[in-house]
Protein backbone atom coordinates (compact mmCIF):
# COMPACT_ATOMS: atom_id res chain seq x y z
CA UNK A 1 -31.87 5.60 58.74
CA UNK A 2 -28.78 4.26 57.00
CA UNK A 3 -25.69 3.20 58.89
CA UNK A 4 -22.57 3.76 56.74
CA UNK A 5 -19.94 1.05 56.57
CA UNK A 6 -16.56 2.79 56.94
CA UNK A 7 -13.82 1.34 54.83
CA UNK A 8 -10.17 2.31 55.26
CA UNK A 9 -7.79 2.84 52.40
CA UNK A 10 -6.01 -0.53 52.17
CA UNK A 11 -5.24 0.10 48.49
CA UNK A 12 -3.06 3.14 49.29
CA UNK A 13 -1.07 1.19 51.86
CA UNK A 14 -0.37 -1.63 49.38
CA UNK A 15 0.60 0.75 46.57
CA UNK A 16 2.84 2.68 48.97
CA UNK A 17 4.50 -0.55 50.10
CA UNK A 18 5.35 -1.47 46.50
CA UNK A 19 6.95 1.93 45.91
CA UNK A 20 8.79 1.68 49.23
CA UNK A 21 10.43 -1.59 48.15
CA UNK A 22 11.35 -0.15 44.74
CA UNK A 23 12.94 2.90 46.36
CA UNK A 24 14.82 0.78 48.88
CA UNK A 25 16.37 -1.38 46.15
CA UNK A 26 17.73 1.68 44.33
CA UNK A 27 19.04 3.29 47.52
CA UNK A 28 20.87 0.13 48.62
CA UNK A 29 22.56 -0.25 45.25
CA UNK A 30 23.93 3.28 45.53
CA UNK A 31 24.92 2.97 49.17
CA UNK A 32 22.13 5.33 50.17
CA UNK A 33 19.70 5.34 53.08
CA UNK A 34 18.56 1.93 54.30
CA UNK A 35 15.00 0.55 54.48
CA UNK A 36 13.20 1.61 57.63
CA UNK A 37 14.14 5.26 57.27
CA UNK A 38 11.99 7.99 55.73
CA UNK A 39 14.84 9.18 53.54
CA UNK A 40 14.66 6.20 51.17
CA UNK A 41 11.03 6.87 50.12
CA UNK A 42 10.59 8.11 46.53
CA UNK A 43 9.22 11.63 46.16
CA UNK A 44 5.68 11.76 44.71
CA UNK A 45 3.69 14.90 44.15
CA UNK A 46 0.21 15.03 45.66
CA UNK A 47 -2.36 14.04 43.07
CA UNK A 48 -0.22 11.35 41.42
CA UNK A 49 -2.37 8.43 40.31
CA UNK A 50 -1.85 5.45 42.59
CA UNK A 51 -3.83 2.79 40.72
CA UNK A 52 -3.50 1.38 37.19
CA UNK A 53 -6.14 2.24 34.61
CA UNK A 54 -7.38 -1.37 34.51
CA UNK A 55 -9.59 -2.02 37.49
CA UNK A 56 -9.16 -5.22 39.50
CA UNK A 57 -11.93 -7.78 39.54
CA UNK A 58 -12.82 -7.48 35.86
CA UNK A 59 -13.47 -11.21 35.38
CA UNK A 60 -17.04 -12.41 35.10
CA UNK A 61 -18.67 -13.26 38.43
CA UNK A 62 -20.60 -16.48 39.03
CA UNK A 63 -23.83 -16.32 41.05
CA UNK A 64 -25.28 -19.65 42.12
CA UNK A 65 -29.01 -20.33 42.33
CA UNK A 66 -31.02 -23.22 43.65
CA UNK A 67 -31.17 -25.81 40.83
CA UNK A 68 -34.20 -24.98 38.72
CA UNK A 69 -35.61 -26.53 35.55
CA UNK A 70 -35.92 -24.02 32.72
CA UNK A 71 -36.86 -26.36 29.87
CA UNK A 72 -38.10 -29.88 29.17
CA UNK A 73 -39.35 -30.70 25.69
CA UNK A 74 -41.22 -33.75 27.04
CA UNK A 75 -43.63 -31.31 28.68
CA UNK A 76 -43.72 -28.51 26.10
CA UNK A 77 -42.71 -28.09 22.48
CA UNK A 78 -42.05 -31.70 21.58
CA UNK A 79 -38.78 -33.41 20.70
CA UNK A 80 -36.02 -31.22 19.31
CA UNK A 81 -35.01 -31.64 15.67
CA UNK A 82 -33.14 -28.76 14.07
CA UNK A 83 -32.83 -25.45 15.94
CA UNK A 84 -35.06 -23.96 18.62
CA UNK A 85 -34.70 -20.82 20.76
CA UNK A 86 -35.13 -20.87 24.53
CA UNK A 87 -35.05 -18.18 27.22
CA UNK A 88 -33.07 -18.44 30.47
CA UNK A 89 -34.53 -15.35 32.19
CA UNK A 90 -38.32 -15.77 32.24
CA UNK A 91 -40.78 -15.12 35.06
CA UNK A 92 -42.28 -18.54 34.27
CA UNK A 93 -40.72 -21.40 32.31
CA UNK A 94 -43.95 -23.35 31.88
CA UNK A 95 -44.06 -22.56 28.15
CA UNK A 96 -40.68 -24.33 27.83
CA UNK A 97 -41.73 -27.28 30.02
CA UNK A 98 -39.88 -25.91 33.07
CA UNK A 99 -40.81 -24.44 36.43
CA UNK A 100 -44.01 -22.40 36.46
CA UNK A 101 -42.26 -19.46 38.16
CA UNK A 102 -38.96 -17.61 38.15
CA UNK A 103 -35.52 -19.21 38.54
CA UNK A 104 -34.03 -15.79 39.45
CA UNK A 105 -31.86 -15.41 36.35
CA UNK A 106 -31.55 -11.69 35.48
CA UNK A 107 -31.46 -10.35 31.93
CA UNK A 108 -28.00 -8.89 32.64
CA UNK A 109 -26.62 -12.47 32.78
CA UNK A 110 -24.04 -13.13 30.07
CA UNK A 111 -24.16 -16.91 30.42
CA UNK A 112 -25.89 -19.58 32.49
CA UNK A 113 -24.57 -22.78 34.01
CA UNK A 114 -26.83 -25.63 32.88
CA UNK A 115 -27.13 -29.33 33.47
CA UNK A 116 -28.16 -30.02 29.87
CA UNK A 117 -29.56 -33.43 29.00
CA UNK A 118 -30.75 -35.29 25.92
CA UNK A 119 -32.90 -38.39 25.44
CA UNK A 120 -32.64 -39.99 22.01
CA UNK A 121 -35.80 -40.37 19.96
CA UNK A 122 -36.36 -42.56 16.88
CA UNK A 123 -33.04 -44.35 17.62
CA UNK A 124 -31.03 -41.19 16.86
CA UNK A 125 -27.32 -41.03 17.56
CA UNK A 126 -26.31 -37.39 17.39
CA UNK A 127 -25.35 -34.33 19.42
CA UNK A 128 -26.76 -31.08 20.80
CA UNK A 129 -25.08 -27.72 20.22
CA UNK A 130 -25.90 -24.52 22.05
CA UNK A 131 -25.07 -20.84 21.57
CA UNK A 132 -26.35 -17.35 22.32
CA UNK A 133 -29.08 -16.09 20.01
CA UNK A 134 -27.51 -13.90 17.34
CA UNK A 135 -24.08 -15.53 17.55
CA UNK A 136 -22.55 -18.01 15.13
CA UNK A 137 -23.26 -21.70 15.69
CA UNK A 138 -20.22 -23.38 17.25
CA UNK A 139 -18.53 -26.48 15.90
CA UNK A 140 -18.30 -28.22 19.27
CA UNK A 141 -21.21 -30.08 20.81
CA UNK A 142 -22.44 -29.81 24.39
CA UNK A 143 -24.11 -33.20 24.68
CA UNK A 144 -23.64 -36.38 22.62
CA UNK A 145 -26.49 -38.90 22.79
CA UNK A 146 -27.51 -42.32 21.48
CA UNK A 147 -30.41 -44.74 22.03
CA UNK A 148 -28.84 -46.26 25.15
CA UNK A 149 -30.55 -43.79 27.50
CA UNK A 150 -30.54 -40.22 28.86
CA UNK A 151 -27.22 -38.39 28.99
CA UNK A 152 -26.44 -34.98 30.54
CA UNK A 153 -23.49 -32.60 30.87
CA UNK A 154 -22.89 -29.52 33.00
CA UNK A 155 -22.26 -26.76 30.45
CA UNK A 156 -21.78 -23.00 30.33
CA UNK A 157 -24.36 -21.59 27.92
CA UNK A 158 -23.82 -18.07 26.53
CA UNK A 159 -27.00 -16.02 26.22
CA UNK A 160 -27.93 -12.83 24.36
CA UNK A 161 -28.74 -9.53 26.17
CA UNK A 162 -32.29 -10.79 26.79
CA UNK A 163 -31.22 -14.20 28.12
CA UNK A 164 -31.97 -16.20 24.96
CA UNK A 165 -30.03 -19.10 23.46
CA UNK A 166 -30.38 -21.70 20.70
CA UNK A 167 -30.24 -25.47 20.93
CA UNK A 168 -29.70 -27.51 17.78
CA UNK A 169 -29.50 -31.20 16.90
CA UNK A 170 -29.43 -32.84 13.47
CA UNK A 171 -31.00 -35.92 15.05
CA UNK A 172 -34.11 -36.11 17.19
CA UNK A 173 -34.09 -35.91 20.98
CA UNK A 174 -36.00 -34.64 23.93
CA UNK A 175 -33.87 -32.12 25.79
CA UNK A 176 -34.05 -30.77 29.33
CA UNK A 177 -32.01 -28.26 31.28
CA UNK A 178 -31.63 -27.30 34.94
CA UNK A 179 -29.95 -24.01 35.72
CA UNK A 180 -27.44 -23.90 38.60
CA UNK A 181 -26.25 -20.31 38.32
CA UNK A 182 -25.34 -17.48 36.01
CA UNK A 183 -22.41 -15.27 35.05
CA UNK A 184 -22.53 -11.48 35.15
CA UNK A 185 -20.08 -8.68 34.52
CA UNK A 186 -18.66 -7.30 37.78
CA UNK A 187 -19.81 -3.94 39.10
CA UNK A 188 -17.08 -1.34 39.60
CA UNK A 189 -16.20 2.21 38.64
CA UNK A 190 -13.56 4.88 39.10
CA UNK A 191 -15.30 8.20 39.78
CA UNK A 192 -13.80 11.70 39.51
CA UNK A 193 -15.60 14.49 41.41
CA UNK A 194 -12.70 16.91 41.54
CA UNK A 195 -14.26 19.56 39.30
CA UNK A 196 -16.60 20.35 42.20
CA UNK A 197 -19.72 19.96 40.07
CA UNK A 198 -20.02 16.57 38.36
CA UNK A 199 -19.22 12.93 38.96
CA UNK A 200 -17.59 11.48 35.85
CA UNK A 201 -16.07 8.11 35.05
CA UNK A 202 -12.28 8.39 35.16
CA UNK A 203 -10.28 6.80 32.32
CA UNK A 204 -13.39 4.88 31.17
CA UNK A 205 -12.98 2.44 34.07
CA UNK A 206 -16.45 1.09 34.84
CA UNK A 207 -18.60 -2.01 34.56
CA UNK A 208 -22.33 -2.18 35.24
CA UNK A 209 -22.56 1.52 36.09
CA UNK A 210 -25.75 3.21 34.86
CA UNK A 211 -25.24 6.71 36.28
CA UNK A 212 -23.05 8.71 38.68
CA UNK A 213 -24.27 11.88 40.38
CA UNK A 214 -22.40 14.26 42.73
CA UNK A 215 -25.12 15.56 45.08
CA UNK A 216 -22.86 17.71 47.31
CA UNK A 217 -19.23 18.05 48.32
CA UNK A 218 -17.98 14.52 48.97
CA UNK A 219 -21.40 12.95 48.35
CA UNK A 220 -22.16 10.67 45.40
CA UNK A 221 -24.97 8.44 44.19
CA UNK A 222 -23.87 5.59 41.90
CA UNK A 223 -26.57 3.54 40.18
CA UNK A 224 -25.78 0.10 38.77
CA UNK A 225 -27.65 -2.22 36.44
CA UNK A 226 -28.93 -4.60 39.11
CA UNK A 227 -29.92 -4.85 42.77
CA UNK A 228 -27.02 -4.03 45.11
CA UNK A 229 -28.71 -4.29 48.52
CA UNK A 230 -27.07 -7.66 49.22
CA UNK A 231 -23.66 -6.54 47.94
CA UNK A 232 -20.57 -5.34 49.82
CA UNK A 233 -19.07 -2.16 48.37
CA UNK A 234 -15.38 -1.36 48.83
CA UNK A 235 -14.28 2.18 47.95
CA UNK A 236 -10.66 3.32 47.89
CA UNK A 237 -8.72 6.50 47.13
CA UNK A 238 -7.31 6.67 43.62
CA UNK A 239 -4.71 9.35 44.38
CA UNK A 240 -1.52 9.73 46.36
CA UNK A 241 -1.53 12.82 48.50
CA UNK A 242 -4.47 13.69 50.78
CA UNK A 243 -5.89 10.56 52.42
CA UNK A 244 -9.66 10.20 52.56
CA UNK A 245 -12.07 8.14 54.56
CA UNK A 246 -14.75 6.80 52.25
CA UNK A 247 -17.98 5.21 53.43
CA UNK A 248 -20.60 3.40 51.35
CA UNK A 249 -24.22 2.50 51.90
CA UNK A 250 -27.22 1.15 49.97
CA UNK A 251 -30.91 1.89 50.40
CA UNK A 252 -33.78 -0.57 50.01
CA UNK A 253 -35.89 2.23 48.50
CA UNK A 254 -33.30 2.58 45.70
CA UNK A 255 -32.11 -0.98 45.37
CA UNK A 256 -29.66 -0.35 42.52
CA UNK A 257 -27.91 2.68 44.08
CA UNK A 258 -24.79 2.92 46.25
CA UNK A 259 -24.30 6.11 48.26
CA UNK A 260 -20.70 7.22 48.76
CA UNK A 261 -19.41 9.79 51.27
CA UNK A 262 -15.83 11.11 51.15
CA UNK A 263 -14.11 12.98 53.98
CA UNK A 264 -10.61 14.33 54.45
CA UNK A 265 -9.07 12.05 57.07
CA UNK A 266 -7.12 14.84 58.76
CA UNK A 267 -9.98 17.33 59.12
CA UNK A 268 -13.13 15.21 58.84
CA UNK A 269 -14.52 17.70 56.33
CA UNK A 270 -16.36 16.51 53.20
CA UNK A 271 -14.04 16.49 50.21
CA UNK A 272 -14.05 15.55 46.53
CA UNK A 273 -11.51 13.17 45.07
CA UNK A 274 -11.04 10.41 42.53
CA UNK A 275 -12.06 7.08 44.06
CA UNK A 276 -12.52 3.51 42.93
CA UNK A 277 -15.49 1.41 44.04
CA UNK A 278 -16.01 -2.32 43.53
CA UNK A 279 -18.99 -4.44 44.58
CA UNK A 280 -18.96 -8.05 45.70
CA UNK A 281 -22.34 -9.76 45.64
């Protein structure tokens, strides 16, 4: 049995406060009603959009993992000379000389944080470049090495949609890499259920959303592109006017789905609205 987490509408209060200050400034300049009275509030029709079209929290999110070796050419593949492709999201990295099991890097990762090292071979003095498979080779290097001994840098390595990246050196070196975390797009969406039938993405504001379904009045199932059972979901009203209480829950039997319930705060009855949801994991 799921226990909903009830989340109050902090977003409406903040938006209302901003409008309150704007209205107060205009009223004071004209010698009108003073702050602290209802008369200075600007008039807004019910249904006016309260939030901007651009959702907050759109920056990439970093997820740390226990340091884990994903490649070591001393154990597999031999010294690097030229370009070779590696994979950051395998179930086992043994074929790359790394850990013989997963490092918990999902394929939805857009980049990985690596401690990337090089050990010169055949007295080479050179550098190692890295980039996502399918992208153009960059001009800048990630690691510069010479015969004096091993050298390593902490770098952010872009990967392709399957977690793959290239390493290249014009010299000869053994390379190794330990992953410390990965970057993913945030998960959020603005959902409109006001037609009484469907749940649709409002104003194309979404990231990581796979599907949205309205199952009944005020009830929604939102499926994202990765496991959400360890995430905290915050849902807020998107409209001025009727205030809603919105609760969210996840289910271990559907580990990528967030269940949303919307009720009219004044009556407690299920209701449809436009709401924004953002997940923190």
